[in-house]
Amino acid sequence: MEHINFLSATEAAAVAASQWIGRGNEREADQAAVTAMRHALNELDIQGVVVIGEGERDEAPMLYIGEEVGRPRGKHPVDIALDPLEGTTICARGDRGSLSVMAVGGKNCFLHAPDVYMDKIAVGREARNAINIKKSLEENVRNVADALQKNVDELRVIILDRPRHEEHIQKLRFLGCRVILIGDGDVAAALGTAIETSGVDLMMGIGGAPEGVLASAALKCLGGNIQGILHFKTEEQKERARKMGIKDLNKVYSMEEMTGGDDVVFCATGVTSGDVLQGVELKDDNIITHSLFMRSGTGAMSHVVMKYPRERFFKNG
């Protein structure tokens, strides 16, 4: 995977989605990102299989779970976890922090997570040994604060603004934590715990399981940590999980169980500007993208800013 430009896929998706910022149409924004990412992946010298994608084959026409991508005789067999537009609502509303994200690794390195909820807790490097999802909220908050050498009332905790989290939010505020509520985008939220400039110390709460796997790839590269437990709402969801190979429905998944292997690549490109990345910019007929490229095998992390002529993405002007 040494010389494969995986960033080209998240850049293409981010630029395509950026044309729909603030237009109120989630479906069109997501479809634009999906189409652009798929085209870019098919230009790469890989034998890729989508293991975390847009859904199962009967639900998603492109980038569905099990779809093969890459050149017809691609040299590098890889599994791919992706979300062409993480934060579709954010993009459609013109809010902060939507991304295009993708993780790439060896065969069978990613948990084949069903499209259900997952209860998650995530932190950056300094607090990586301080979390235990089976412990109480209060214990985790105090342990993370101790690991970061902060007072509890200095801790910034990010959580999805959902009715299911009302009790968590009340407890966090009672403890004195600074609670950051987000409407969408918990991959970016988890990623932020490991990036000092984001100002986030801890992410917790119930979000998507596929997003949990993507977050685990990012945190593996950054030296952080995440744990998760699948959260089922129906018997049909449980049965689908069993068919995907999930035997213990109550299992606590470690970061290494969600993303294994010795060498994983994680890419993210900003769509709208947020705490993690700046969004796509159009200046003087040039398009400027802001991306993160990380690799667990080498510990590499780069903030990549690229300027392209508009014609690269929009051939008809």
C-alpha atoms as a PDB file:
ATOM      1  CA  MET A   1       0.000   0.000   0.000  1.00  0.00           C
ATOM      2  CA  GLU A   2       3.080   2.221   0.091  1.00  0.00           C
ATOM      3  CA  HIS A   3       2.455   4.295  -3.008  1.00  0.00           C
ATOM      4  CA  ILE A   4      -1.337   4.254  -3.253  1.00  0.00           C
ATOM      5  CA  ASN A   5      -3.007   7.640  -3.015  1.00  0.00           C
ATOM      6  CA  PHE A   6      -5.950   6.725  -0.792  1.00  0.00           C
ATOM      7  CA  LEU A   7      -6.510  10.404  -0.043  1.00  0.00           C
ATOM      8  CA  SER A   8      -7.733  10.859  -3.600  1.00  0.00           C
ATOM      9  CA  ALA A   9     -10.944   9.024  -2.636  1.00  0.00           C
ATOM     10  CA  THR A  10     -11.839  11.158   0.391  1.00  0.00           C
ATOM     11  CA  GLU A  11     -10.822  14.338  -1.435  1.00  0.00           C
ATOM     12  CA  ALA A  12     -13.099  13.513  -4.378  1.00  0.00           C
ATOM     13  CA  ALA A  13     -16.014  12.672  -2.080  1.00  0.00           C
ATOM     14  CA  ALA A  14     -15.544  15.824   0.004  1.00  0.00           C
ATOM     15  CA  VAL A  15     -15.406  18.100  -3.036  1.00  0.00           C
ATOM     16  CA  ALA A  16     -18.523  16.498  -4.540  1.00  0.00           C
ATOM     17  CA  ALA A  17     -20.435  16.810  -1.266  1.00  0.00           C
ATOM     18  CA  SER A  18     -19.317  20.417  -0.819  1.00  0.00           C
ATOM     19  CA  GLN A  19     -21.498  21.436  -3.766  1.00  0.00           C
ATOM     20  CA  TRP A  20     -24.518  20.566  -1.579  1.00  0.00           C
ATOM     21  CA  ILE A  21     -23.513  22.433   1.585  1.00  0.00           C
ATOM     22  CA  GLY A  22     -26.496  24.308   2.983  1.00  0.00           C
ATOM     23  CA  ARG A  23     -28.890  23.196   0.252  1.00  0.00           C
ATOM     24  CA  GLY A  24     -31.012  21.100   2.627  1.00  0.00           C
ATOM     25  CA  ASN A  25     -30.845  17.928   0.532  1.00  0.00           C
ATOM     26  CA  GLU A  26     -29.166  15.104   2.447  1.00  0.00           C
ATOM     27  CA  ARG A  27     -29.867  12.485  -0.207  1.00  0.00           C
ATOM     28  CA  GLU A  28     -28.209  14.427  -3.031  1.00  0.00           C
ATOM     29  CA  ALA A  29     -25.222  15.389  -0.862  1.00  0.00           C
ATOM     30  CA  ASP A  30     -24.642  11.782   0.151  1.00  0.00           C
ATOM     31  CA  GLN A  31     -25.132  10.429  -3.379  1.00  0.00           C
ATOM     32  CA  ALA A  32     -22.655  12.923  -4.799  1.00  0.00           C
ATOM     33  CA  ALA A  33     -20.047  11.847  -2.243  1.00  0.00           C
ATOM     34  CA  VAL A  34     -20.690   8.139  -2.807  1.00  0.00           C
ATOM     35  CA  THR A  35     -20.438   8.405  -6.595  1.00  0.00           C
ATOM     36  CA  ALA A  36     -17.219  10.428  -6.446  1.00  0.00           C
ATOM     37  CA  MET A  37     -15.559   8.137  -3.915  1.00  0.00           C
ATOM     38  CA  ARG A  38     -16.455   5.007  -5.862  1.00  0.00           C
ATOM     39  CA  HIS A  39     -15.021   6.461  -9.063  1.00  0.00           C
ATOM     40  CA  ALA A  40     -11.790   7.434  -7.275  1.00  0.00           C
ATOM     41  CA  LEU A  41     -11.425   3.996  -5.656  1.00  0.00           C
ATOM     42  CA  ASN A  42     -11.807   2.315  -9.031  1.00  0.00           C
ATOM     43  CA  GLU A  43      -8.789   4.287 -10.255  1.00  0.00           C
ATOM     44  CA  LEU A  44      -6.528   2.808  -7.550  1.00  0.00           C
ATOM     45  CA  ASP A  45      -4.248  -0.211  -8.004  1.00  0.00           C
ATOM     46  CA  ILE A  46      -6.093  -2.313  -5.424  1.00  0.00           C
ATOM     47  CA  GLN A  47      -8.305  -5.362  -5.097  1.00  0.00           C
ATOM     48  CA  GLY A  48     -10.568  -3.755  -2.549  1.00  0.00           C
ATOM     49  CA  VAL A  49     -13.620  -5.110  -0.737  1.00  0.00           C
ATOM     50  CA  VAL A  50     -15.986  -2.778   1.103  1.00  0.00           C
ATOM     51  CA  VAL A  51     -16.627  -4.226   4.581  1.00  0.00           C
ATOM     52  CA  ILE A  52     -18.091  -1.092   6.189  1.00  0.00           C
ATOM     53  CA  GLY A  53     -20.055   0.920   3.657  1.00  0.00           C
ATOM     54  CA  GLU A  54     -23.371   2.379   2.626  1.00  0.00           C
ATOM     55  CA  GLY A  55     -25.390  -0.649   3.692  1.00  0.00           C
ATOM     56  CA  GLU A  56     -26.217  -4.103   2.437  1.00  0.00           C
ATOM     57  CA  ARG A  57     -26.415  -4.805  -1.264  1.00  0.00           C
ATOM     58  CA  ASP A  58     -30.219  -4.626  -1.486  1.00  0.00           C
ATOM     59  CA  GLU A  59     -30.193  -1.240   0.275  1.00  0.00           C
ATOM     60  CA  ALA A  60     -27.276   0.541  -1.409  1.00  0.00           C
ATOM     61  CA  PRO A  61     -26.565   0.678  -5.158  1.00  0.00           C
ATOM     62  CA  MET A  62     -22.926   1.758  -4.624  1.00  0.00           C
ATOM     63  CA  LEU A  63     -20.242   1.059  -2.045  1.00  0.00           C
ATOM     64  CA  TYR A  64     -22.411  -1.593  -0.438  1.00  0.00           C
ATOM     65  CA  ILE A  65     -20.965  -4.171   1.930  1.00  0.00           C
ATOM     66  CA  GLY A  66     -19.140  -6.759  -0.145  1.00  0.00           C
ATOM     67  CA  GLU A  67     -18.692  -4.593  -3.244  1.00  0.00           C
ATOM     68  CA  GLU A  68     -15.329  -4.988  -4.972  1.00  0.00           C
ATOM     69  CA  VAL A  69     -13.515  -1.790  -5.925  1.00  0.00           C
ATOM     70  CA  GLY A  70     -10.223  -0.938  -7.592  1.00  0.00           C
ATOM     71  CA  ARG A  71      -8.693  -1.593 -10.977  1.00  0.00           C
ATOM     72  CA  PRO A  72      -9.644  -4.859 -12.716  1.00  0.00           C
ATOM     73  CA  ARG A  73      -6.152  -6.288 -12.100  1.00  0.00           C
ATOM     74  CA  GLY A  74      -5.324  -4.388  -8.947  1.00  0.00           C
ATOM     75  CA  LYS A  75      -2.191  -5.628  -7.164  1.00  0.00           C
ATOM     76  CA  HIS A  76      -3.038  -4.947  -3.535  1.00  0.00           C
ATOM     77  CA  PRO A  77      -5.796  -6.931  -1.749  1.00  0.00           C
ATOM     78  CA  VAL A  78      -7.352  -4.730   0.943  1.00  0.00           C
ATOM     79  CA  ASP A  79     -10.482  -4.370   3.036  1.00  0.00           C
ATOM     80  CA  ILE A  80     -12.063  -0.926   3.187  1.00  0.00           C
ATOM     81  CA  ALA A  81     -14.264   0.772   5.766  1.00  0.00           C
ATOM     82  CA  LEU A  82     -15.736   4.033   4.540  1.00  0.00           C
ATOM     83  CA  ASP A  83     -18.258   6.799   4.952  1.00  0.00           C
ATOM     84  CA  PRO A  84     -18.174   9.127   1.940  1.00  0.00           C
ATOM     85  CA  LEU A  85     -20.107  11.786   3.873  1.00  0.00           C
ATOM     86  CA  GLU A  86     -19.960  11.487   7.639  1.00  0.00           C
ATOM     87  CA  GLY A  87     -22.494  14.042   8.770  1.00  0.00           C
ATOM     88  CA  THR A  88     -24.989  14.215   5.908  1.00  0.00           C
ATOM     89  CA  THR A  89     -27.328  16.392   7.973  1.00  0.00           C
ATOM     90  CA  ILE A  90     -24.425  18.652   8.950  1.00  0.00           C
ATOM     91  CA  CYS A  91     -23.559  19.170   5.291  1.00  0.00           C
ATOM     92  CA  ALA A  92     -27.155  19.726   4.192  1.00  0.00           C
ATOM     93  CA  ARG A  93     -27.682  22.287   6.964  1.00  0.00           C
ATOM     94  CA  GLY A  94     -24.350  24.005   6.394  1.00  0.00           C
ATOM     95  CA  ASP A  95     -23.224  23.213   9.949  1.00  0.00           C
ATOM     96  CA  ARG A  96     -19.717  22.518  11.198  1.00  0.00           C
ATOM     97  CA  GLY A  97     -17.698  19.319  11.041  1.00  0.00           C
ATOM     98  CA  SER A  98     -18.819  17.048   8.196  1.00  0.00           C
ATOM     99  CA  LEU A  99     -16.086  14.809   6.780  1.00  0.00           C
ATOM    100  CA  SER A 100     -15.356  12.186   4.181  1.00  0.00           C
ATOM    101  CA  VAL A 101     -13.606   9.274   5.904  1.00  0.00           C
ATOM    102  CA  MET A 102     -12.037   5.965   4.918  1.00  0.00           C
ATOM    103  CA  ALA A 103      -9.902   3.283   6.548  1.00  0.00           C
ATOM    104  CA  VAL A 104      -7.914   0.660   4.641  1.00  0.00           C
ATOM    105  CA  GLY A 105      -6.252  -2.479   5.976  1.00  0.00           C
ATOM    106  CA  GLY A 106      -5.405  -6.089   5.293  1.00  0.00           C
ATOM    107  CA  LYS A 107      -7.978  -8.799   4.789  1.00  0.00           C
ATOM    108  CA  ASN A 108     -10.303  -9.359   7.755  1.00  0.00           C
ATOM    109  CA  CYS A 109      -8.754  -6.609   9.873  1.00  0.00           C
ATOM    110  CA  PHE A 110     -12.060  -4.757  10.448  1.00  0.00           C
ATOM    111  CA  LEU A 111     -14.996  -5.900  12.537  1.00  0.00           C
ATOM    112  CA  HIS A 112     -17.867  -6.645  10.160  1.00  0.00           C
ATOM    113  CA  ALA A 113     -20.251  -4.510  12.175  1.00  0.00           C
ATOM    114  CA  PRO A 114     -23.945  -4.627  11.273  1.00  0.00           C
ATOM    115  CA  ASP A 115     -25.721  -1.335  10.676  1.00  0.00           C
ATOM    116  CA  VAL A 116     -27.030  -1.049  14.240  1.00  0.00           C
ATOM    117  CA  TYR A 117     -26.216   1.160  17.203  1.00  0.00           C
ATOM    118  CA  MET A 118     -23.127   0.857  19.369  1.00  0.00           C
ATOM    119  CA  ASP A 119     -22.528   2.214  22.864  1.00  0.00           C
ATOM    120  CA  LYS A 120     -19.049   3.808  22.701  1.00  0.00           C
ATOM    121  CA  ILE A 121     -16.437   5.492  24.831  1.00  0.00           C
ATOM    122  CA  ALA A 122     -13.313   7.033  23.293  1.00  0.00           C
ATOM    123  CA  VAL A 123     -10.254   8.976  24.412  1.00  0.00           C
ATOM    124  CA  GLY A 124      -6.870  10.129  23.145  1.00  0.00           C
ATOM    125  CA  ARG A 125      -3.399   8.795  23.882  1.00  0.00           C
ATOM    126  CA  GLU A 126      -2.896  10.193  27.396  1.00  0.00           C
ATOM    127  CA  ALA A 127      -6.084   8.598  28.726  1.00  0.00           C
ATOM    128  CA  ARG A 128      -5.990   5.404  26.654  1.00  0.00           C
ATOM    129  CA  ASN A 129      -5.752   3.170  29.748  1.00  0.00           C
ATOM    130  CA  ALA A 130      -8.314   5.098  31.782  1.00  0.00           C
ATOM    131  CA  ILE A 131     -11.573   3.917  30.198  1.00  0.00           C
ATOM    132  CA  ASN A 132     -13.732   0.867  30.839  1.00  0.00           C
ATOM    133  CA  ILE A 133     -17.163   0.880  29.238  1.00  0.00           C
ATOM    134  CA  LYS A 134     -18.468  -1.567  31.861  1.00  0.00           C
ATOM    135  CA  LYS A 135     -17.758   0.923  34.643  1.00  0.00           C
ATOM    136  CA  SER A 136     -20.102   3.753  35.574  1.00  0.00           C
ATOM    137  CA  LEU A 137     -20.101   7.122  33.870  1.00  0.00           C
ATOM    138  CA  GLU A 138     -18.811   8.714  37.060  1.00  0.00           C
ATOM    139  CA  GLU A 139     -15.859   6.324  37.325  1.00  0.00           C
ATOM    140  CA  ASN A 140     -14.849   6.829  33.719  1.00  0.00           C
ATOM    141  CA  VAL A 141     -15.058  10.609  33.995  1.00  0.00           C
ATOM    142  CA  ARG A 142     -12.911  10.689  37.126  1.00  0.00           C
ATOM    143  CA  ASN A 143     -10.388   8.209  35.728  1.00  0.00           C
ATOM    144  CA  VAL A 144     -10.020  10.180  32.488  1.00  0.00           C
ATOM    145  CA  ALA A 145      -9.643  13.438  34.417  1.00  0.00           C
ATOM    146  CA  ASP A 146      -6.925  11.863  36.582  1.00  0.00           C
ATOM    147  CA  ALA A 147      -5.083  10.516  33.518  1.00  0.00           C
ATOM    148  CA  LEU A 148      -5.160  13.976  31.912  1.00  0.00           C
ATOM    149  CA  GLN A 149      -4.188  15.655  35.191  1.00  0.00           C
ATOM    150  CA  LYS A 150      -7.293  17.798  35.061  1.00  0.00           C
ATOM    151  CA  ASN A 151     -10.087  18.594  37.446  1.00  0.00           C
ATOM    152  CA  VAL A 152     -13.424  17.026  36.529  1.00  0.00           C
ATOM    153  CA  ASP A 153     -14.885  20.490  35.950  1.00  0.00           C
ATOM    154  CA  GLU A 154     -12.212  21.096  33.289  1.00  0.00           C
ATOM    155  CA  LEU A 155     -13.133  17.968  31.318  1.00  0.00           C
ATOM    156  CA  ARG A 156     -14.812  18.502  27.943  1.00  0.00           C
ATOM    157  CA  VAL A 157     -17.097  15.601  27.007  1.00  0.00           C
ATOM    158  CA  ILE A 158     -18.679  15.322  23.571  1.00  0.00           C
ATOM    159  CA  ILE A 159     -21.931  13.415  23.043  1.00  0.00           C
ATOM    160  CA  LEU A 160     -24.674  13.191  20.441  1.00  0.00           C
ATOM    161  CA  ASP A 161     -27.649  15.410  21.285  1.00  0.00           C
ATOM    162  CA  ARG A 162     -30.306  12.695  21.454  1.00  0.00           C
ATOM    163  CA  PRO A 163     -33.161  11.951  23.910  1.00  0.00           C
ATOM    164  CA  ARG A 164     -31.475   8.621  24.732  1.00  0.00           C
ATOM    165  CA  HIS A 165     -28.566  10.560  26.245  1.00  0.00           C
ATOM    166  CA  GLU A 166     -30.556  12.831  28.561  1.00  0.00           C
ATOM    167  CA  GLU A 167     -29.516  10.919  31.686  1.00  0.00           C
ATOM    168  CA  HIS A 168     -25.848  10.948  30.629  1.00  0.00           C
ATOM    169  CA  ILE A 169     -25.984  14.687  29.964  1.00  0.00           C
ATOM    170  CA  GLN A 170     -27.564  15.408  33.343  1.00  0.00           C
ATOM    171  CA  LYS A 171     -24.964  13.292  35.161  1.00  0.00           C
ATOM    172  CA  LEU A 172     -22.081  14.917  33.305  1.00  0.00           C
ATOM    173  CA  ARG A 173     -23.317  18.395  34.134  1.00  0.00           C
ATOM    174  CA  PHE A 174     -23.930  17.433  37.767  1.00  0.00           C
ATOM    175  CA  LEU A 175     -20.296  16.322  37.947  1.00  0.00           C
ATOM    176  CA  GLY A 176     -19.290  19.712  36.543  1.00  0.00           C
ATOM    177  CA  CYS A 177     -18.098  18.541  33.108  1.00  0.00           C
ATOM    178  CA  ARG A 178     -18.337  20.818  30.108  1.00  0.00           C
ATOM    179  CA  VAL A 179     -20.731  18.980  27.803  1.00  0.00           C
ATOM    180  CA  ILE A 180     -20.419  19.518  24.040  1.00  0.00           C
ATOM    181  CA  LEU A 181     -23.613  18.470  22.253  1.00  0.00           C
ATOM    182  CA  ILE A 182     -23.446  17.543  18.575  1.00  0.00           C
ATOM    183  CA  GLY A 183     -26.239  16.783  16.159  1.00  0.00           C
ATOM    184  CA  ASP A 184     -24.290  14.311  14.020  1.00  0.00           C
ATOM    185  CA  GLY A 185     -20.789  13.123  13.183  1.00  0.00           C
ATOM    186  CA  ASP A 186     -19.468  10.898  15.942  1.00  0.00           C
ATOM    187  CA  VAL A 187     -16.447   9.724  13.917  1.00  0.00           C
ATOM    188  CA  ALA A 188     -15.209  13.302  13.995  1.00  0.00           C
ATOM    189  CA  ALA A 189     -16.094  13.453  17.690  1.00  0.00           C
ATOM    190  CA  ALA A 190     -14.024  10.368  18.510  1.00  0.00           C
ATOM    191  CA  LEU A 191     -11.181  11.599  16.312  1.00  0.00           C
ATOM    192  CA  GLY A 192     -11.222  14.895  18.179  1.00  0.00           C
ATOM    193  CA  THR A 193     -10.368  13.223  21.490  1.00  0.00           C
ATOM    194  CA  ALA A 194      -6.922  12.396  20.086  1.00  0.00           C
ATOM    195  CA  ILE A 195      -6.251  15.783  18.461  1.00  0.00           C
ATOM    196  CA  GLU A 196      -5.116  18.349  20.988  1.00  0.00           C
ATOM    197  CA  THR A 197      -6.381  21.398  19.103  1.00  0.00           C
ATOM    198  CA  SER A 198      -9.986  20.093  19.105  1.00  0.00           C
ATOM    199  CA  GLY A 199     -10.344  20.718  22.823  1.00  0.00           C
ATOM    200  CA  VAL A 200     -12.220  17.431  23.396  1.00  0.00           C
ATOM    201  CA  ASP A 201     -11.188  15.025  26.160  1.00  0.00           C
ATOM    202  CA  LEU A 202     -13.791  12.260  26.093  1.00  0.00           C
ATOM    203  CA  MET A 203     -16.476  10.963  23.744  1.00  0.00           C
ATOM    204  CA  MET A 204     -19.295   8.730  24.933  1.00  0.00           C
ATOM    205  CA  GLY A 205     -22.789   7.594  24.068  1.00  0.00           C
ATOM    206  CA  ILE A 206     -24.733   5.520  21.580  1.00  0.00           C
ATOM    207  CA  GLY A 207     -24.132   6.064  17.859  1.00  0.00           C
ATOM    208  CA  GLY A 208     -23.695   3.931  14.754  1.00  0.00           C
ATOM    209  CA  ALA A 209     -21.668   0.715  14.922  1.00  0.00           C
ATOM    210  CA  PRO A 210     -20.051   1.248  11.492  1.00  0.00           C
ATOM    211  CA  GLU A 211     -18.936   4.685  12.689  1.00  0.00           C
ATOM    212  CA  GLY A 212     -17.437   2.972  15.737  1.00  0.00           C
ATOM    213  CA  VAL A 213     -15.251   0.824  13.495  1.00  0.00           C
ATOM    214  CA  LEU A 214     -14.095   3.848  11.497  1.00  0.00           C
ATOM    215  CA  ALA A 215     -13.323   5.705  14.726  1.00  0.00           C
ATOM    216  CA  SER A 216     -11.326   2.721  15.985  1.00  0.00           C
ATOM    217  CA  ALA A 217      -9.122   2.850  12.872  1.00  0.00           C
ATOM    218  CA  ALA A 218      -8.401   6.539  13.424  1.00  0.00           C
ATOM    219  CA  LEU A 219      -7.669   6.110  17.123  1.00  0.00           C
ATOM    220  CA  LYS A 220      -5.442   3.111  16.436  1.00  0.00           C
ATOM    221  CA  CYS A 221      -3.316   5.353  14.236  1.00  0.00           C
ATOM    222  CA  LEU A 222      -3.293   8.151  16.826  1.00  0.00           C
ATOM    223  CA  GLY A 223      -2.578   6.007  19.887  1.00  0.00           C
ATOM    224  CA  GLY A 224      -5.965   6.632  21.471  1.00  0.00           C
ATOM    225  CA  ASN A 225      -8.545   4.102  22.582  1.00  0.00           C
ATOM    226  CA  ILE A 226     -12.189   3.193  22.038  1.00  0.00           C
ATOM    227  CA  GLN A 227     -14.459   0.481  23.386  1.00  0.00           C
ATOM    228  CA  GLY A 228     -17.917  -0.466  22.172  1.00  0.00           C
ATOM    229  CA  ILE A 229     -20.909  -2.707  22.817  1.00  0.00           C
ATOM    230  CA  LEU A 230     -23.448  -3.364  20.068  1.00  0.00           C
ATOM    231  CA  HIS A 231     -26.872  -1.984  20.937  1.00  0.00           C
ATOM    232  CA  PHE A 232     -29.869  -3.734  19.347  1.00  0.00           C
ATOM    233  CA  LYS A 233     -33.415  -2.403  19.095  1.00  0.00           C
ATOM    234  CA  THR A 234     -35.148  -5.392  17.436  1.00  0.00           C
ATOM    235  CA  GLU A 235     -34.854  -9.157  17.125  1.00  0.00           C
ATOM    236  CA  GLU A 236     -34.369  -8.685  13.380  1.00  0.00           C
ATOM    237  CA  GLN A 237     -31.229  -6.650  14.080  1.00  0.00           C
ATOM    238  CA  LYS A 238     -29.904  -9.388  16.348  1.00  0.00           C
ATOM    239  CA  GLU A 239     -30.516 -12.010  13.685  1.00  0.00           C
ATOM    240  CA  ARG A 240     -28.739  -9.903  11.057  1.00  0.00           C
ATOM    241  CA  ALA A 241     -25.778  -9.583  13.392  1.00  0.00           C
ATOM    242  CA  ARG A 242     -25.618 -13.342  13.881  1.00  0.00           C
ATOM    243  CA  LYS A 243     -25.604 -13.839  10.111  1.00  0.00           C
ATOM    244  CA  MET A 244     -22.609 -11.487   9.909  1.00  0.00           C
ATOM    245  CA  GLY A 245     -20.698 -13.695  12.359  1.00  0.00           C
ATOM    246  CA  ILE A 246     -21.479 -11.906  15.655  1.00  0.00           C
ATOM    247  CA  LYS A 247     -21.828 -14.687  18.243  1.00  0.00           C
ATOM    248  CA  ASP A 248     -21.843 -12.797  21.546  1.00  0.00           C
ATOM    249  CA  LEU A 249     -24.382  -9.974  21.264  1.00  0.00           C
ATOM    250  CA  ASN A 250     -23.242  -8.441  24.571  1.00  0.00           C
ATOM    251  CA  LYS A 251     -19.526  -8.499  23.875  1.00  0.00           C
ATOM    252  CA  VAL A 252     -17.339  -5.538  24.753  1.00  0.00           C
ATOM    253  CA  TYR A 253     -15.249  -4.786  21.658  1.00  0.00           C
ATOM    254  CA  SER A 254     -11.788  -3.393  22.180  1.00  0.00           C
ATOM    255  CA  MET A 255     -10.150  -1.101  19.660  1.00  0.00           C
ATOM    256  CA  GLU A 256      -7.968  -3.973  18.425  1.00  0.00           C
ATOM    257  CA  GLU A 257     -11.029  -6.162  17.905  1.00  0.00           C
ATOM    258  CA  MET A 258     -12.703  -3.454  15.837  1.00  0.00           C
ATOM    259  CA  THR A 259      -9.531  -2.689  13.866  1.00  0.00           C
ATOM    260  CA  GLY A 260      -6.805  -5.326  13.906  1.00  0.00           C
ATOM    261  CA  GLY A 261      -3.693  -5.822  11.821  1.00  0.00           C
ATOM    262  CA  ASP A 262      -0.286  -4.213  11.905  1.00  0.00           C
ATOM    263  CA  ASP A 263      -0.779  -1.596   9.199  1.00  0.00           C
ATOM    264  CA  VAL A 264      -3.962   0.429   8.819  1.00  0.00           C
ATOM    265  CA  VAL A 265      -4.395   3.636   6.829  1.00  0.00           C
ATOM    266  CA  PHE A 266      -6.978   6.246   7.846  1.00  0.00           C
ATOM    267  CA  CYS A 267      -7.907   9.226   5.665  1.00  0.00           C
ATOM    268  CA  ALA A 268     -10.283  12.102   6.336  1.00  0.00           C
ATOM    269  CA  THR A 269     -11.059  15.187   4.261  1.00  0.00           C
ATOM    270  CA  GLY A 270     -13.104  18.097   5.568  1.00  0.00           C
ATOM    271  CA  VAL A 271     -16.368  18.943   3.834  1.00  0.00           C
ATOM    272  CA  THR A 272     -17.534  21.739   6.136  1.00  0.00           C
ATOM    273  CA  SER A 273     -15.064  23.342   8.540  1.00  0.00           C
ATOM    274  CA  GLY A 274     -14.970  22.021  12.087  1.00  0.00           C
ATOM    275  CA  ASP A 275     -12.688  21.428  15.058  1.00  0.00           C
ATOM    276  CA  VAL A 276     -10.800  18.607  13.314  1.00  0.00           C
ATOM    277  CA  LEU A 277     -10.431  19.873   9.742  1.00  0.00           C
ATOM    278  CA  GLN A 278     -11.166  22.889   7.604  1.00  0.00           C
ATOM    279  CA  GLY A 279     -13.717  22.366   4.853  1.00  0.00           C
ATOM    280  CA  VAL A 280     -13.419  22.508   1.068  1.00  0.00           C
ATOM    281  CA  GLU A 281     -12.582  25.985  -0.263  1.00  0.00           C
ATOM    282  CA  LEU A 282     -13.044  27.481  -3.709  1.00  0.00           C
ATOM    283  CA  LYS A 283     -10.587  30.292  -4.501  1.00  0.00           C
ATOM    284  CA  ASP A 284      -9.822  31.805  -7.901  1.00  0.00           C
ATOM    285  CA  ASP A 285     -11.050  28.758  -9.810  1.00  0.00           C
ATOM    286  CA  ASN A 286      -8.970  26.507  -7.566  1.00  0.00           C
ATOM    287  CA  ILE A 287     -10.301  23.976  -5.069  1.00  0.00           C
ATOM    288  CA  ILE A 288      -8.433  23.618  -1.778  1.00  0.00           C
ATOM    289  CA  THR A 289      -8.872  20.512   0.370  1.00  0.00           C
ATOM    290  CA  HIS A 290      -7.786  19.885   3.947  1.00  0.00           C
ATOM    291  CA  SER A 291      -7.121  16.284   4.933  1.00  0.00           C
ATOM    292  CA  LEU A 292      -5.589  14.020   7.543  1.00  0.00           C
ATOM    293  CA  PHE A 293      -3.557  10.997   6.497  1.00  0.00           C
ATOM    294  CA  MET A 294      -2.545   8.503   9.187  1.00  0.00           C
ATOM    295  CA  ARG A 295      -0.883   5.122   9.217  1.00  0.00           C
ATOM    296  CA  SER A 296      -0.693   2.826  12.224  1.00  0.00           C
ATOM    297  CA  GLY A 297       2.245   0.789  10.952  1.00  0.00           C
ATOM    298  CA  THR A 298       4.607   3.764  10.810  1.00  0.00           C
ATOM    299  CA  GLY A 299       2.923   6.143  13.232  1.00  0.00           C
ATOM    300  CA  ALA A 300       2.737   8.699  10.411  1.00  0.00           C
ATOM    301  CA  MET A 301       0.245  11.539  10.661  1.00  0.00           C
ATOM    302  CA  SER A 302       0.092  14.342   8.126  1.00  0.00           C
ATOM    303  CA  HIS A 303      -2.185  17.334   7.709  1.00  0.00           C
ATOM    304  CA  VAL A 304      -2.380  17.607   3.931  1.00  0.00           C
ATOM    305  CA  VAL A 305      -3.520  20.781   2.181  1.00  0.00           C
ATOM    306  CA  MET A 306      -3.930  20.451  -1.576  1.00  0.00           C
ATOM    307  CA  LYS A 307      -4.809  22.963  -4.279  1.00  0.00           C
ATOM    308  CA  TYR A 308      -6.325  21.684  -7.518  1.00  0.00           C
ATOM    309  CA  PRO A 309      -7.700  23.426 -10.594  1.00  0.00           C
ATOM    310  CA  ARG A 310     -11.490  23.295 -10.553  1.00  0.00           C
ATOM    311  CA  GLU A 311     -11.448  21.293 -13.805  1.00  0.00           C
ATOM    312  CA  ARG A 312      -9.948  18.305 -11.977  1.00  0.00           C
ATOM    313  CA  PHE A 313     -13.326  17.665 -10.334  1.00  0.00           C
ATOM    314  CA  PHE A 314     -15.717  19.534 -12.593  1.00  0.00           C
ATOM    315  CA  LYS A 315     -14.751  18.930 -16.166  1.00  0.00           C
ATOM    316  CA  ASN A 316     -17.564  21.042 -17.580  1.00  0.00           C
ATOM    317  CA  GLY A 317     -16.695  24.050 -15.481  1.00  0.00           C
END
